[in-house]
Amino acid sequence: MYGVPLIDVSLAFAGYLDYVTIMNYDVWTPASSSSVPLVGPNAPLQVGCTFDNRVSSRSARTAVEAWTKAGMPASKILLGVPTYGHSYAVAPAAAVDASGTLAEFPAFEGGVRPQGDVWDVVPGLNATDVCGNATRVSGDWHFRNMVNATNGFLETYGTAREGVLYRFDDCTQTPYAYNRTSEIMLSYDDVTSFEAKGKFVKAMKLGGFAVWEAAGDYDDLLLDAILDGVRSG
């Protein structure tokens, strides 16, 4: 993410490592976008079509291209994919555009960190991490809890529940969901985005994929989708 990329990894890395995993998630988070408080893709497959100073240039494709250009064989690269997404507090006026659909890169309330799913444990009073910094909820939602939770966003087959708005960004190949009642927007991955990532793994002749984490899936919907993508064609 920071620093100067290595120009040649063919000897230092490729000659010794069995594989490397590109952690293509947390590309866009509430924390990383605090200076530009806009909702963006957690794990973009491609760079956004409206690329400008609002949109990160990082994506699965740009990462793979950088590694292979530097000498890492594609067969030694695994694509890291997430079963979780990030939540953002977004006012209805910002979340929905004039056509009634979810807006692209809507502004969120930067000072608000929403409670995530049931796995997002609320820290105790005055709790700190090992470095002494104050801890707070992550706001993360795992796919299984987007389905299971009474206040979840998805039906058991992975589509948006009644009353939840959904948008799939064809450019970054990532979905968004918005609950009008809680005024929470999720940037996450679903079966459509996972299948697209599987097709990408095959097209780029990568060594495979790595999931963070399999327990976050629901009824193997995501795992089946990415495997379908890898096996397609």
C-alpha atoms as a PDB file:
ATOM      1  CA  MET A   1       0.000   0.000   0.000  1.00  0.00           C
ATOM      2  CA  TYR A   2       2.854   2.358   0.847  1.00  0.00           C
ATOM      3  CA  GLY A   3       6.493   2.724  -0.155  1.00  0.00           C
ATOM      4  CA  VAL A   4       8.209   1.933  -3.443  1.00  0.00           C
ATOM      5  CA  PRO A   5       7.308  -1.426  -5.061  1.00  0.00           C
ATOM      6  CA  LEU A   6      10.124  -3.827  -5.884  1.00  0.00           C
ATOM      7  CA  ILE A   7      10.989  -3.849  -9.563  1.00  0.00           C
ATOM      8  CA  ASP A   8      12.207  -7.454  -9.658  1.00  0.00           C
ATOM      9  CA  VAL A   9      11.099 -10.264  -7.328  1.00  0.00           C
ATOM     10  CA  SER A  10      12.139 -13.113  -9.610  1.00  0.00           C
ATOM     11  CA  LEU A  11      15.140 -14.040  -7.444  1.00  0.00           C
ATOM     12  CA  ALA A  12      14.318 -12.779  -3.943  1.00  0.00           C
ATOM     13  CA  PHE A  13      10.764 -14.148  -3.866  1.00  0.00           C
ATOM     14  CA  ALA A  14       9.892 -16.315  -6.853  1.00  0.00           C
ATOM     15  CA  GLY A  15      12.969 -18.479  -6.505  1.00  0.00           C
ATOM     16  CA  TYR A  16      12.236 -19.442  -2.898  1.00  0.00           C
ATOM     17  CA  LEU A  17       8.512 -19.096  -2.160  1.00  0.00           C
ATOM     18  CA  ASP A  18       5.925 -21.709  -3.071  1.00  0.00           C
ATOM     19  CA  TYR A  19       3.293 -18.996  -3.464  1.00  0.00           C
ATOM     20  CA  VAL A  20       2.252 -15.511  -2.403  1.00  0.00           C
ATOM     21  CA  THR A  21      -1.276 -14.446  -1.493  1.00  0.00           C
ATOM     22  CA  ILE A  22      -2.500 -11.043  -2.610  1.00  0.00           C
ATOM     23  CA  MET A  23      -4.738  -9.806   0.201  1.00  0.00           C
ATOM     24  CA  ASN A  24      -7.201  -8.013  -2.053  1.00  0.00           C
ATOM     25  CA  TYR A  25      -9.481  -6.747   0.695  1.00  0.00           C
ATOM     26  CA  ASP A  26      -9.651  -3.736   2.990  1.00  0.00           C
ATOM     27  CA  VAL A  27      -8.714  -1.780  -0.125  1.00  0.00           C
ATOM     28  CA  TRP A  28     -11.347   0.744   0.921  1.00  0.00           C
ATOM     29  CA  THR A  29     -12.384   1.011   4.572  1.00  0.00           C
ATOM     30  CA  PRO A  30     -14.013   3.629   6.810  1.00  0.00           C
ATOM     31  CA  ALA A  31     -10.588   4.322   8.311  1.00  0.00           C
ATOM     32  CA  SER A  32      -8.641   4.540   5.051  1.00  0.00           C
ATOM     33  CA  SER A  33     -11.245   6.809   3.481  1.00  0.00           C
ATOM     34  CA  SER A  34     -11.633   9.112   6.485  1.00  0.00           C
ATOM     35  CA  SER A  35      -9.949  11.996   4.656  1.00  0.00           C
ATOM     36  CA  VAL A  36     -12.375  11.473   1.768  1.00  0.00           C
ATOM     37  CA  PRO A  37     -15.484  10.112   3.552  1.00  0.00           C
ATOM     38  CA  LEU A  38     -17.048   8.193   0.682  1.00  0.00           C
ATOM     39  CA  VAL A  39     -18.253   4.585   0.593  1.00  0.00           C
ATOM     40  CA  GLY A  40     -16.089   2.479  -1.720  1.00  0.00           C
ATOM     41  CA  PRO A  41     -15.355  -1.166  -2.623  1.00  0.00           C
ATOM     42  CA  ASN A  42     -13.826  -3.456  -0.004  1.00  0.00           C
ATOM     43  CA  ALA A  43     -12.357  -5.889  -2.539  1.00  0.00           C
ATOM     44  CA  PRO A  44     -12.484  -4.461  -6.083  1.00  0.00           C
ATOM     45  CA  LEU A  45     -11.700  -6.811  -8.933  1.00  0.00           C
ATOM     46  CA  GLN A  46     -11.117  -3.892 -11.300  1.00  0.00           C
ATOM     47  CA  VAL A  47     -10.422  -0.194 -10.839  1.00  0.00           C
ATOM     48  CA  GLY A  48     -13.589   1.912 -10.822  1.00  0.00           C
ATOM     49  CA  CYS A  49     -14.817   3.346 -14.110  1.00  0.00           C
ATOM     50  CA  THR A  50     -15.006   6.842 -12.622  1.00  0.00           C
ATOM     51  CA  PHE A  51     -11.371   6.798 -11.544  1.00  0.00           C
ATOM     52  CA  ASP A  52     -10.321  10.120 -10.059  1.00  0.00           C
ATOM     53  CA  ASN A  53      -8.916  11.291  -6.729  1.00  0.00           C
ATOM     54  CA  ARG A  54     -11.909   9.715  -4.955  1.00  0.00           C
ATOM     55  CA  VAL A  55     -11.199   6.207  -6.154  1.00  0.00           C
ATOM     56  CA  SER A  56      -8.291   3.971  -5.208  1.00  0.00           C
ATOM     57  CA  SER A  57      -6.118   2.654  -8.037  1.00  0.00           C
ATOM     58  CA  ARG A  58      -5.740  -0.648  -6.176  1.00  0.00           C
ATOM     59  CA  SER A  59      -7.603  -3.746  -7.329  1.00  0.00           C
ATOM     60  CA  ALA A  60      -7.081  -7.454  -7.887  1.00  0.00           C
ATOM     61  CA  ARG A  61      -6.119  -6.846 -11.502  1.00  0.00           C
ATOM     62  CA  THR A  62      -3.617  -4.062 -10.821  1.00  0.00           C
ATOM     63  CA  ALA A  63      -2.047  -6.109  -8.007  1.00  0.00           C
ATOM     64  CA  VAL A  64      -1.647  -9.235 -10.135  1.00  0.00           C
ATOM     65  CA  GLU A  65      -0.242  -7.186 -13.007  1.00  0.00           C
ATOM     66  CA  ALA A  66       2.293  -5.549 -10.668  1.00  0.00           C
ATOM     67  CA  TRP A  67       3.469  -8.892  -9.256  1.00  0.00           C
ATOM     68  CA  THR A  68       3.771 -10.624 -12.629  1.00  0.00           C
ATOM     69  CA  LYS A  69       5.515  -7.602 -14.155  1.00  0.00           C
ATOM     70  CA  ALA A  70       8.062  -7.833 -11.331  1.00  0.00           C
ATOM     71  CA  GLY A  71       8.786 -11.461 -12.151  1.00  0.00           C
ATOM     72  CA  MET A  72       6.463 -13.524  -9.959  1.00  0.00           C
ATOM     73  CA  PRO A  73       4.960 -16.379 -12.009  1.00  0.00           C
ATOM     74  CA  ALA A  74       1.160 -16.201 -12.115  1.00  0.00           C
ATOM     75  CA  SER A  75       1.062 -19.855 -11.086  1.00  0.00           C
ATOM     76  CA  LYS A  76       2.599 -18.861  -7.732  1.00  0.00           C
ATOM     77  CA  ILE A  77       0.014 -16.166  -7.010  1.00  0.00           C
ATOM     78  CA  LEU A  78      -3.157 -16.776  -4.981  1.00  0.00           C
ATOM     79  CA  LEU A  79      -5.940 -14.194  -4.975  1.00  0.00           C
ATOM     80  CA  GLY A  80      -7.138 -13.404  -1.450  1.00  0.00           C
ATOM     81  CA  VAL A  81     -10.914 -12.929  -1.259  1.00  0.00           C
ATOM     82  CA  PRO A  82     -13.044 -11.833   1.742  1.00  0.00           C
ATOM     83  CA  THR A  83     -16.283 -13.217   3.152  1.00  0.00           C
ATOM     84  CA  TYR A  84     -16.888  -9.982   5.057  1.00  0.00           C
ATOM     85  CA  GLY A  85     -17.684  -6.381   4.271  1.00  0.00           C
ATOM     86  CA  HIS A  86     -17.543  -2.967   5.909  1.00  0.00           C
ATOM     87  CA  SER A  87     -20.499  -0.947   7.171  1.00  0.00           C
ATOM     88  CA  TYR A  88     -20.971   2.796   6.859  1.00  0.00           C
ATOM     89  CA  ALA A  89     -23.490   5.192   8.392  1.00  0.00           C
ATOM     90  CA  VAL A  90     -25.090   6.879   5.378  1.00  0.00           C
ATOM     91  CA  ALA A  91     -28.019   9.285   5.462  1.00  0.00           C
ATOM     92  CA  PRO A  92     -30.897   8.417   3.085  1.00  0.00           C
ATOM     93  CA  ALA A  93     -30.418  11.642   1.140  1.00  0.00           C
ATOM     94  CA  ALA A  94     -26.838  10.619   0.333  1.00  0.00           C
ATOM     95  CA  ALA A  95     -27.500   6.900  -0.139  1.00  0.00           C
ATOM     96  CA  VAL A  96     -30.168   7.148  -2.825  1.00  0.00           C
ATOM     97  CA  ASP A  97     -29.908   9.202  -6.007  1.00  0.00           C
ATOM     98  CA  ALA A  98     -32.683  10.970  -7.913  1.00  0.00           C
ATOM     99  CA  SER A  99     -33.599   7.790  -9.802  1.00  0.00           C
ATOM    100  CA  GLY A 100     -34.246   5.902  -6.557  1.00  0.00           C
ATOM    101  CA  THR A 101     -31.190   3.643  -6.868  1.00  0.00           C
ATOM    102  CA  LEU A 102     -28.141   3.492  -4.626  1.00  0.00           C
ATOM    103  CA  ALA A 103     -25.733   6.311  -5.305  1.00  0.00           C
ATOM    104  CA  GLU A 104     -22.156   5.697  -6.413  1.00  0.00           C
ATOM    105  CA  PHE A 105     -19.545   6.596  -3.782  1.00  0.00           C
ATOM    106  CA  PRO A 106     -21.997   8.256  -1.361  1.00  0.00           C
ATOM    107  CA  ALA A 107     -20.724  10.310   1.558  1.00  0.00           C
ATOM    108  CA  PHE A 108     -20.841   8.669   4.986  1.00  0.00           C
ATOM    109  CA  GLU A 109     -20.751  10.051   8.509  1.00  0.00           C
ATOM    110  CA  GLY A 110     -17.029   9.915   9.225  1.00  0.00           C
ATOM    111  CA  GLY A 111     -17.380  10.314  12.984  1.00  0.00           C
ATOM    112  CA  VAL A 112     -19.741   7.336  13.318  1.00  0.00           C
ATOM    113  CA  ARG A 113     -18.544   3.709  13.456  1.00  0.00           C
ATOM    114  CA  PRO A 114     -21.645   1.470  13.194  1.00  0.00           C
ATOM    115  CA  GLN A 115     -21.916  -1.735  15.196  1.00  0.00           C
ATOM    116  CA  GLY A 116     -21.147  -4.699  12.946  1.00  0.00           C
ATOM    117  CA  ASP A 117     -22.570  -8.219  13.120  1.00  0.00           C
ATOM    118  CA  VAL A 118     -22.728 -10.536  16.142  1.00  0.00           C
ATOM    119  CA  TRP A 119     -19.028 -11.324  15.744  1.00  0.00           C
ATOM    120  CA  ASP A 120     -18.173  -7.650  16.184  1.00  0.00           C
ATOM    121  CA  VAL A 121     -17.643  -7.698  19.944  1.00  0.00           C
ATOM    122  CA  VAL A 122     -18.246  -4.408  21.711  1.00  0.00           C
ATOM    123  CA  PRO A 123     -15.118  -3.486  23.726  1.00  0.00           C
ATOM    124  CA  GLY A 124     -15.464  -2.966  27.446  1.00  0.00           C
ATOM    125  CA  LEU A 125     -15.414   0.462  29.013  1.00  0.00           C
ATOM    126  CA  ASN A 126     -11.999   2.109  28.580  1.00  0.00           C
ATOM    127  CA  ALA A 127     -10.722  -1.007  26.775  1.00  0.00           C
ATOM    128  CA  THR A 128      -7.370  -0.724  25.004  1.00  0.00           C
ATOM    129  CA  ASP A 129      -5.350  -2.869  22.632  1.00  0.00           C
ATOM    130  CA  VAL A 130      -1.849  -4.233  23.328  1.00  0.00           C
ATOM    131  CA  CYS A 131      -0.376  -0.879  22.315  1.00  0.00           C
ATOM    132  CA  GLY A 132      -2.584   1.039  24.737  1.00  0.00           C
ATOM    133  CA  ASN A 133      -4.820   2.524  22.052  1.00  0.00           C
ATOM    134  CA  ALA A 134      -8.548   2.744  22.700  1.00  0.00           C
ATOM    135  CA  THR A 135     -10.454  -0.078  21.006  1.00  0.00           C
ATOM    136  CA  ARG A 136     -13.737   0.228  19.175  1.00  0.00           C
ATOM    137  CA  VAL A 137     -16.102  -1.912  17.147  1.00  0.00           C
ATOM    138  CA  SER A 138     -14.927  -2.745  13.627  1.00  0.00           C
ATOM    139  CA  GLY A 139     -18.272  -2.336  11.902  1.00  0.00           C
ATOM    140  CA  ASP A 140     -17.569  -5.488   9.869  1.00  0.00           C
ATOM    141  CA  TRP A 141     -20.296  -7.844   8.672  1.00  0.00           C
ATOM    142  CA  HIS A 142     -19.588 -11.423   7.611  1.00  0.00           C
ATOM    143  CA  PHE A 143     -21.683 -12.888   4.811  1.00  0.00           C
ATOM    144  CA  ARG A 144     -23.203 -15.596   7.025  1.00  0.00           C
ATOM    145  CA  ASN A 145     -24.413 -12.972   9.485  1.00  0.00           C
ATOM    146  CA  MET A 146     -25.782 -10.748   6.739  1.00  0.00           C
ATOM    147  CA  VAL A 147     -28.124 -13.697   6.203  1.00  0.00           C
ATOM    148  CA  ASN A 148     -28.597 -15.096   9.716  1.00  0.00           C
ATOM    149  CA  ALA A 149     -29.097 -11.937  11.747  1.00  0.00           C
ATOM    150  CA  THR A 150     -32.611 -10.715  12.491  1.00  0.00           C
ATOM    151  CA  ASN A 151     -31.393  -7.311  11.386  1.00  0.00           C
ATOM    152  CA  GLY A 152     -29.471  -8.798   8.459  1.00  0.00           C
ATOM    153  CA  PHE A 153     -29.416  -7.602   4.891  1.00  0.00           C
ATOM    154  CA  LEU A 154     -29.777 -10.788   2.828  1.00  0.00           C
ATOM    155  CA  GLU A 155     -32.135 -13.689   2.223  1.00  0.00           C
ATOM    156  CA  THR A 156     -30.895 -17.265   2.696  1.00  0.00           C
ATOM    157  CA  TYR A 157     -29.978 -17.495  -1.001  1.00  0.00           C
ATOM    158  CA  GLY A 158     -27.880 -14.333  -0.801  1.00  0.00           C
ATOM    159  CA  THR A 159     -30.124 -11.737  -2.418  1.00  0.00           C
ATOM    160  CA  ALA A 160     -31.236  -8.514  -0.735  1.00  0.00           C
ATOM    161  CA  ARG A 161     -34.109  -8.741   1.722  1.00  0.00           C
ATOM    162  CA  GLU A 162     -37.321  -6.840   1.177  1.00  0.00           C
ATOM    163  CA  GLY A 163     -36.731  -3.206   2.034  1.00  0.00           C
ATOM    164  CA  VAL A 164     -32.970  -3.430   1.465  1.00  0.00           C
ATOM    165  CA  LEU A 165     -31.634  -1.605  -1.582  1.00  0.00           C
ATOM    166  CA  TYR A 166     -28.957  -3.340  -3.653  1.00  0.00           C
ATOM    167  CA  ARG A 167     -26.525  -2.170  -6.305  1.00  0.00           C
ATOM    168  CA  PHE A 168     -23.848  -4.090  -8.173  1.00  0.00           C
ATOM    169  CA  ASP A 169     -21.012  -1.992  -9.545  1.00  0.00           C
ATOM    170  CA  ASP A 170     -20.117  -3.482 -12.924  1.00  0.00           C
ATOM    171  CA  CYS A 171     -16.811  -1.595 -12.968  1.00  0.00           C
ATOM    172  CA  THR A 172     -15.257  -2.829  -9.720  1.00  0.00           C
ATOM    173  CA  GLN A 173     -17.440  -5.975  -9.734  1.00  0.00           C
ATOM    174  CA  THR A 174     -18.571  -5.411  -6.150  1.00  0.00           C
ATOM    175  CA  PRO A 175     -22.009  -5.151  -4.489  1.00  0.00           C
ATOM    176  CA  TYR A 176     -23.529  -2.681  -2.049  1.00  0.00           C
ATOM    177  CA  ALA A 177     -26.601  -3.015   0.170  1.00  0.00           C
ATOM    178  CA  TYR A 178     -28.445  -0.330   2.124  1.00  0.00           C
ATOM    179  CA  ASN A 179     -30.903  -0.726   4.983  1.00  0.00           C
ATOM    180  CA  ARG A 180     -33.193   2.305   5.019  1.00  0.00           C
ATOM    181  CA  THR A 181     -34.296   1.639   8.603  1.00  0.00           C
ATOM    182  CA  SER A 182     -30.857   1.443  10.193  1.00  0.00           C
ATOM    183  CA  GLU A 183     -29.340   3.802   7.591  1.00  0.00           C
ATOM    184  CA  ILE A 184     -26.381   1.454   7.214  1.00  0.00           C
ATOM    185  CA  MET A 185     -24.681   0.701   3.903  1.00  0.00           C
ATOM    186  CA  LEU A 186     -22.529  -2.370   3.334  1.00  0.00           C
ATOM    187  CA  SER A 187     -19.676  -2.745   0.880  1.00  0.00           C
ATOM    188  CA  TYR A 188     -19.122  -6.503   0.650  1.00  0.00           C
ATOM    189  CA  ASP A 189     -18.860  -9.546  -1.640  1.00  0.00           C
ATOM    190  CA  ASP A 190     -21.648 -11.825  -2.830  1.00  0.00           C
ATOM    191  CA  VAL A 191     -22.046 -14.802  -5.161  1.00  0.00           C
ATOM    192  CA  THR A 192     -21.863 -12.583  -8.253  1.00  0.00           C
ATOM    193  CA  SER A 193     -18.601 -10.916  -7.230  1.00  0.00           C
ATOM    194  CA  PHE A 194     -17.091 -14.230  -6.079  1.00  0.00           C
ATOM    195  CA  GLU A 195     -17.912 -15.914  -9.379  1.00  0.00           C
ATOM    196  CA  ALA A 196     -16.286 -12.996 -11.216  1.00  0.00           C
ATOM    197  CA  LYS A 197     -13.176 -13.384  -9.059  1.00  0.00           C
ATOM    198  CA  GLY A 198     -13.102 -17.109  -9.850  1.00  0.00           C
ATOM    199  CA  LYS A 199     -13.231 -16.392 -13.582  1.00  0.00           C
ATOM    200  CA  PHE A 200     -10.403 -13.901 -13.104  1.00  0.00           C
ATOM    201  CA  VAL A 201      -8.274 -16.522 -11.315  1.00  0.00           C
ATOM    202  CA  LYS A 202      -8.724 -18.846 -14.266  1.00  0.00           C
ATOM    203  CA  ALA A 203      -8.215 -16.196 -16.955  1.00  0.00           C
ATOM    204  CA  MET A 204      -4.985 -14.966 -15.363  1.00  0.00           C
ATOM    205  CA  LYS A 205      -3.786 -18.560 -14.814  1.00  0.00           C
ATOM    206  CA  LEU A 206      -3.233 -17.928 -11.108  1.00  0.00           C
ATOM    207  CA  GLY A 207      -2.323 -20.663  -8.660  1.00  0.00           C
ATOM    208  CA  GLY A 208      -5.719 -20.402  -6.974  1.00  0.00           C
ATOM    209  CA  PHE A 209      -7.448 -18.354  -4.298  1.00  0.00           C
ATOM    210  CA  ALA A 210      -7.389 -17.975  -0.515  1.00  0.00           C
ATOM    211  CA  VAL A 211     -10.480 -17.064   1.523  1.00  0.00           C
ATOM    212  CA  TRP A 212     -10.539 -14.868   4.629  1.00  0.00           C
ATOM    213  CA  GLU A 213     -12.314 -16.623   6.138  1.00  0.00           C
ATOM    214  CA  ALA A 214     -14.282 -19.717   5.169  1.00  0.00           C
ATOM    215  CA  ALA A 215     -16.308 -19.570   8.405  1.00  0.00           C
ATOM    216  CA  GLY A 216     -17.782 -16.287   7.205  1.00  0.00           C
ATOM    217  CA  ASP A 217     -19.570 -17.996   4.316  1.00  0.00           C
ATOM    218  CA  TYR A 218     -23.201 -19.142   4.486  1.00  0.00           C
ATOM    219  CA  ASP A 219     -24.162 -22.595   3.217  1.00  0.00           C
ATOM    220  CA  ASP A 220     -21.057 -22.525   0.967  1.00  0.00           C
ATOM    221  CA  LEU A 221     -22.723 -19.972  -1.313  1.00  0.00           C
ATOM    222  CA  LEU A 222     -19.542 -17.961  -1.796  1.00  0.00           C
ATOM    223  CA  LEU A 223     -17.204 -20.945  -2.045  1.00  0.00           C
ATOM    224  CA  ASP A 224     -19.448 -22.614  -4.612  1.00  0.00           C
ATOM    225  CA  ALA A 225     -19.658 -19.378  -6.602  1.00  0.00           C
ATOM    226  CA  ILE A 226     -15.913 -18.818  -6.854  1.00  0.00           C
ATOM    227  CA  LEU A 227     -15.344 -22.478  -7.721  1.00  0.00           C
ATOM    228  CA  ASP A 228     -17.985 -22.182 -10.443  1.00  0.00           C
ATOM    229  CA  GLY A 229     -16.025 -19.240 -11.804  1.00  0.00           C
ATOM    230  CA  VAL A 230     -12.726 -21.121 -11.760  1.00  0.00           C
ATOM    231  CA  ARG A 231     -14.305 -24.126 -13.494  1.00  0.00           C
ATOM    232  CA  SER A 232     -16.178 -22.123 -16.117  1.00  0.00           C
ATOM    233  CA  GLY A 233     -15.292 -22.115 -19.794  1.00  0.00           C
END
